Amino acid sequence: MNWGSASAFFEMGGYGLYVWGSYIACAVLMVLEPILAARRHARARLDAARMTEES
């Protein structure tokens, strides 16, 4: 598509809020997932180490 200005590009024919909101939500989730996965992994390793020490 061809937009006449930057504001027309960001408005996306009235659907800009949905389009850019989706991109932002996806980007946030792509940043958070590895961080949360690393935290879950570290917690699982600590739990496994504690279980090994107890037995």
N, C-alpha and C. Protein backbone atom coordinates (compact mmCIF):
# COMPACT_ATOMS: atom_id res chain seq x y z
N MET A 1 0.84 -1.18 0.00
CA MET A 1 0.00 0.00 0.00
C MET A 1 0.88 1.24 0.00
N ASN A 2 0.29 2.33 -0.40
CA ASN A 2 1.02 3.59 -0.47
C ASN A 2 0.32 4.62 0.41
N TRP A 3 1.06 5.14 1.38
CA TRP A 3 0.50 6.14 2.28
C TRP A 3 1.09 7.49 1.93
N GLY A 4 0.28 8.52 2.09
CA GLY A 4 0.71 9.87 1.74
C GLY A 4 1.56 10.55 2.80
N SER A 5 1.49 10.07 4.02
CA SER A 5 2.25 10.69 5.09
C SER A 5 2.52 9.66 6.18
N ALA A 6 3.37 10.06 7.11
CA ALA A 6 3.69 9.16 8.22
C ALA A 6 2.47 8.94 9.11
N SER A 7 1.67 9.98 9.32
CA SER A 7 0.49 9.82 10.16
C SER A 7 -0.51 8.87 9.51
N ALA A 8 -0.64 8.91 8.20
CA ALA A 8 -1.54 7.97 7.51
C ALA A 8 -1.01 6.55 7.65
N PHE A 9 0.30 6.39 7.61
CA PHE A 9 0.89 5.07 7.80
C PHE A 9 0.57 4.53 9.19
N PHE A 10 0.74 5.35 10.22
CA PHE A 10 0.50 4.89 11.58
C PHE A 10 -0.98 4.71 11.89
N GLU A 11 -1.85 5.41 11.19
CA GLU A 11 -3.29 5.25 11.38
C GLU A 11 -3.81 3.98 10.70
N MET A 12 -3.14 3.52 9.66
CA MET A 12 -3.49 2.29 8.94
C MET A 12 -4.97 2.24 8.55
N GLY A 13 -5.46 3.33 8.03
CA GLY A 13 -6.85 3.34 7.57
C GLY A 13 -7.87 3.18 8.70
N GLY A 14 -7.53 3.62 9.88
CA GLY A 14 -8.42 3.51 11.02
C GLY A 14 -8.18 2.29 11.88
N TYR A 15 -7.30 1.39 11.45
CA TYR A 15 -7.02 0.16 12.20
C TYR A 15 -5.66 0.21 12.89
N GLY A 16 -5.04 1.36 12.93
CA GLY A 16 -3.70 1.49 13.50
C GLY A 16 -3.60 1.05 14.94
N LEU A 17 -4.61 1.37 15.74
CA LEU A 17 -4.59 0.98 17.14
C LEU A 17 -4.49 -0.53 17.28
N TYR A 18 -5.25 -1.25 16.48
CA TYR A 18 -5.24 -2.71 16.55
C TYR A 18 -3.95 -3.28 15.98
N VAL A 19 -3.50 -2.73 14.86
CA VAL A 19 -2.28 -3.24 14.22
C VAL A 19 -1.07 -2.99 15.10
N TRP A 20 -0.87 -1.75 15.52
CA TRP A 20 0.31 -1.43 16.32
C TRP A 20 0.21 -2.00 17.73
N GLY A 21 -1.00 -2.07 18.25
CA GLY A 21 -1.19 -2.71 19.56
C GLY A 21 -0.79 -4.17 19.53
N SER A 22 -1.12 -4.85 18.43
CA SER A 22 -0.74 -6.25 18.28
C SER A 22 0.77 -6.40 18.18
N TYR A 23 1.41 -5.52 17.42
CA TYR A 23 2.88 -5.58 17.32
C TYR A 23 3.53 -5.33 18.67
N ILE A 24 3.03 -4.37 19.41
CA ILE A 24 3.61 -4.05 20.72
C ILE A 24 3.40 -5.20 21.68
N ALA A 25 2.19 -5.77 21.71
CA ALA A 25 1.91 -6.91 22.60
C ALA A 25 2.83 -8.08 22.26
N CYS A 26 3.01 -8.35 20.99
CA CYS A 26 3.88 -9.45 20.56
C CYS A 26 5.33 -9.17 20.98
N ALA A 27 5.80 -7.97 20.79
CA ALA A 27 7.18 -7.62 21.15
C ALA A 27 7.39 -7.75 22.66
N VAL A 28 6.42 -7.30 23.45
CA VAL A 28 6.55 -7.40 24.91
C VAL A 28 6.61 -8.87 25.32
N LEU A 29 5.74 -9.68 24.75
CA LEU A 29 5.74 -11.11 25.09
C LEU A 29 7.02 -11.80 24.65
N MET A 30 7.58 -11.40 23.50
CA MET A 30 8.82 -12.00 23.04
C MET A 30 10.00 -11.62 23.93
N VAL A 31 9.93 -10.48 24.58
CA VAL A 31 10.99 -10.08 25.52
C VAL A 31 10.79 -10.79 26.86
N LEU A 32 9.54 -10.87 27.32
CA LEU A 32 9.27 -11.45 28.63
C LEU A 32 9.45 -12.96 28.68
N GLU A 33 9.11 -13.66 27.63
CA GLU A 33 9.14 -15.13 27.68
C GLU A 33 10.51 -15.69 28.03
N PRO A 34 11.61 -15.27 27.39
CA PRO A 34 12.92 -15.82 27.79
C PRO A 34 13.30 -15.47 29.23
N ILE A 35 12.91 -14.29 29.68
CA ILE A 35 13.21 -13.89 31.07
C ILE A 35 12.47 -14.80 32.04
N LEU A 36 11.17 -14.99 31.80
CA LEU A 36 10.38 -15.84 32.68
C LEU A 36 10.81 -17.29 32.60
N ALA A 37 11.18 -17.75 31.42
CA ALA A 37 11.66 -19.13 31.27
C ALA A 37 12.96 -19.34 32.05
N ALA A 38 13.84 -18.37 32.01
CA ALA A 38 15.10 -18.47 32.76
C ALA A 38 14.82 -18.51 34.27
N ARG A 39 13.87 -17.72 34.72
CA ARG A 39 13.51 -17.73 36.14
C ARG A 39 12.93 -19.08 36.54
N ARG A 40 12.03 -19.63 35.71
CA ARG A 40 11.45 -20.94 36.01
C ARG A 40 12.53 -22.02 36.02
N HIS A 41 13.47 -21.93 35.10
CA HIS A 41 14.56 -22.91 35.03
C HIS A 41 15.43 -22.84 36.29
N ALA A 42 15.76 -21.63 36.71
CA ALA A 42 16.59 -21.46 37.90
C ALA A 42 15.85 -22.00 39.14
N ARG A 43 14.56 -21.73 39.23
CA ARG A 43 13.77 -22.21 40.36
C ARG A 43 13.71 -23.75 40.35
N ALA A 44 13.55 -24.34 39.18
CA ALA A 44 13.51 -25.80 39.08
C ALA A 44 14.84 -26.41 39.48
N ARG A 45 15.94 -25.77 39.08
CA ARG A 45 17.26 -26.28 39.48
C ARG A 45 17.45 -26.21 40.99
N LEU A 46 17.00 -25.10 41.60
CA LEU A 46 17.11 -24.99 43.06
C LEU A 46 16.26 -26.05 43.76
N ASP A 47 15.05 -26.26 43.26
CA ASP A 47 14.19 -27.29 43.85
C ASP A 47 14.82 -28.66 43.72
N ALA A 48 15.40 -28.96 42.56
CA ALA A 48 16.05 -30.25 42.36
C ALA A 48 17.26 -30.40 43.29
N ALA A 49 18.01 -29.33 43.48
CA ALA A 49 19.17 -29.39 44.39
C ALA A 49 18.71 -29.62 45.83
N ARG A 50 17.62 -28.98 46.22
CA ARG A 50 17.11 -29.17 47.58
C ARG A 50 16.62 -30.60 47.78
N MET A 51 15.95 -31.13 46.77
CA MET A 51 15.45 -32.51 46.88
C MET A 51 16.62 -33.49 46.97
N THR A 52 17.70 -33.21 46.26
CA THR A 52 18.87 -34.08 46.29
C THR A 52 19.53 -34.02 47.67
N GLU A 53 19.59 -32.84 48.27
CA GLU A 53 20.20 -32.68 49.59
C GLU A 53 19.38 -33.37 50.68
N GLU A 54 18.07 -33.36 50.53
CA GLU A 54 17.20 -33.96 51.54
C GLU A 54 17.25 -35.48 51.53
N SER A 55 17.53 -36.06 50.40
CA SER A 55 17.51 -37.53 50.35
C SER A 55 18.85 -38.17 50.65
